[in-house]
Amino acid sequence: MPPETPSQHTDRFDDDDYPAYTMGRAAEMIGATPGFLRAIGDARLITPLRSEGGHRRYSRYQLRIAARVRELVDGGTPIDAACRIVILEDQLEEALRLNDELRRYPAADPDGAAAS
C-alpha cells in the first residue's frame, strides 16, 4: 500500500466521520464522563470504531450526537429516552429533507410530463 500524502492527512480533519478522538478526549469535549459514552454505546446510539489496540475512537459526528443526548439527560430525561429522542429527531430531519427534495424535483409521470 502506498504511503499517504500530507493532503490525505489534511482531508481527515474535514471528515466528520473520521474517528479522531479517544474516549477520554471525546468525554472531555462534550463535558461528560467515559461512562456516559459507554452508556450511549450500550444503547446502540453510536458505535465507536476501535483502534488496533481495542480503544474506542469517536468522530465529530458521533460527538454531536453524544452532546445532544447529554443536553437532554442534563435536562432530566432518562438516558434511554434521550437516545430514542435523538433517533427520532434524526429520522424526522431525514424525512423532511426527502420531502423537500421531492417537492423540488417532482417525478415524471409515464407520459413524460412532470407530476403535480
Protein backbone atom coordinates (compact mmCIF):
# COMPACT_ATOMS: atom_id res chain seq x y z
CA MET A 1 0.00 0.00 0.00
CA PRO A 2 1.49 3.41 -0.94
CA PRO A 3 2.21 5.86 1.87
CA GLU A 4 -0.36 8.57 2.47
CA THR A 5 0.40 12.06 1.28
CA PRO A 6 0.12 15.10 3.57
CA SER A 7 -3.06 16.18 1.73
CA GLN A 8 -4.71 12.86 2.61
CA HIS A 9 -3.99 13.51 6.29
CA THR A 10 -5.38 17.06 6.00
CA ASP A 11 -8.57 15.74 4.39
CA ARG A 12 -9.26 13.76 7.56
CA PHE A 13 -9.57 16.99 9.53
CA ASP A 14 -12.58 17.86 7.38
CA ASP A 15 -14.13 14.37 7.62
CA ASP A 16 -16.96 14.31 10.18
CA ASP A 17 -16.87 10.51 10.20
CA TYR A 18 -13.14 10.07 10.84
CA PRO A 19 -12.65 8.51 14.31
CA ALA A 20 -10.12 11.03 15.58
CA TYR A 21 -10.92 11.26 19.29
CA THR A 22 -10.08 8.90 22.14
CA MET A 23 -12.74 8.19 24.73
CA GLY A 24 -11.12 10.48 27.29
CA ARG A 25 -10.79 13.38 24.86
CA ALA A 26 -14.32 12.82 23.50
CA ALA A 27 -15.80 12.84 27.00
CA GLU A 28 -13.87 16.00 27.85
CA MET A 29 -15.07 17.73 24.68
CA ILE A 30 -18.76 17.16 25.46
CA GLY A 31 -18.41 17.65 29.22
CA ALA A 32 -19.32 14.07 30.07
CA THR A 33 -17.65 11.03 31.55
CA PRO A 34 -16.30 8.00 29.72
CA GLY A 35 -19.11 6.06 31.45
CA PHE A 36 -21.67 8.27 29.71
CA LEU A 37 -20.11 7.48 26.32
CA ARG A 38 -20.11 3.76 27.18
CA ALA A 39 -23.80 4.00 28.15
CA ILE A 40 -24.89 5.54 24.86
CA GLY A 41 -22.75 2.97 23.09
CA ASP A 42 -24.50 0.21 25.06
CA ALA A 43 -27.83 1.77 23.99
CA ARG A 44 -26.52 1.40 20.40
CA LEU A 45 -26.97 5.08 19.61
CA ILE A 46 -23.38 5.38 18.50
CA THR A 47 -20.82 2.69 17.79
CA PRO A 48 -17.28 3.98 18.12
CA LEU A 49 -14.62 2.40 15.98
CA ARG A 50 -11.81 0.58 17.72
CA SER A 51 -8.11 1.24 17.35
CA GLU A 52 -5.74 -1.65 16.70
CA GLY A 53 -5.24 -1.77 20.46
CA GLY A 54 -9.00 -2.04 21.06
CA HIS A 55 -9.53 1.52 22.31
CA ARG A 56 -12.73 3.37 21.38
CA ARG A 57 -12.34 6.19 18.85
CA TYR A 58 -15.08 8.77 18.17
CA SER A 59 -15.84 11.00 15.19
CA ARG A 60 -17.08 14.59 15.28
CA TYR A 61 -20.46 13.38 14.03
CA GLN A 62 -20.71 10.93 16.93
CA LEU A 63 -19.71 13.65 19.36
CA ARG A 64 -22.50 15.92 18.12
CA ILE A 65 -24.98 13.09 18.76
CA ALA A 66 -23.50 12.43 22.20
CA ALA A 67 -23.64 16.14 23.05
CA ARG A 68 -27.35 16.26 22.13
CA VAL A 69 -28.06 13.24 24.36
CA ARG A 70 -26.09 14.84 27.18
CA GLU A 71 -28.15 18.02 26.80
CA LEU A 72 -31.37 16.01 27.16
CA VAL A 73 -30.03 13.99 30.11
CA ASP A 74 -28.88 17.18 31.83
CA GLY A 75 -32.48 18.41 31.42
CA GLY A 76 -33.79 15.40 33.32
CA THR A 77 -34.55 12.95 30.51
CA PRO A 78 -33.54 9.35 31.24
CA ILE A 79 -30.66 8.21 29.03
CA ASP A 80 -32.70 5.54 27.18
CA ALA A 81 -35.42 8.08 26.39
CA ALA A 82 -32.83 10.67 25.35
CA CYS A 83 -31.28 8.17 22.92
CA ARG A 84 -34.72 7.42 21.44
CA ILE A 85 -35.49 11.14 21.10
CA VAL A 86 -32.23 11.72 19.21
CA ILE A 87 -33.01 8.80 16.88
CA LEU A 88 -36.50 10.19 16.20
CA GLU A 89 -35.12 13.70 15.63
CA ASP A 90 -32.68 12.27 13.10
CA GLN A 91 -35.43 10.33 11.32
CA LEU A 92 -37.65 13.42 11.19
CA GLU A 93 -34.81 15.53 9.78
CA GLU A 94 -34.19 12.93 7.06
CA ALA A 95 -37.92 12.70 6.19
CA LEU A 96 -38.16 16.49 5.92
CA ARG A 97 -35.07 16.56 3.71
CA LEU A 98 -36.53 13.90 1.41
CA ASN A 99 -39.89 15.71 1.23
CA ASP A 100 -38.14 18.94 0.30
CA GLU A 101 -36.13 17.15 -2.36
CA LEU A 102 -39.25 15.54 -3.83
CA ARG A 103 -41.00 18.92 -3.96
CA ARG A 104 -38.08 20.49 -5.81
CA TYR A 105 -37.67 17.63 -8.27
CA PRO A 106 -41.09 16.03 -8.85
CA ALA A 107 -41.03 12.65 -10.60
CA ALA A 108 -42.11 12.48 -14.22
CA ASP A 109 -45.34 10.60 -14.98
CA PRO A 110 -45.34 7.74 -17.53
CA ASP A 111 -46.23 10.20 -20.35
CA GLY A 112 -43.07 12.20 -19.67
CA ALA A 113 -44.77 15.19 -18.01
CA ALA A 114 -43.76 16.28 -14.51
CA ALA A 115 -46.11 15.18 -11.76
CA SER A 116 -48.00 17.95 -10.00
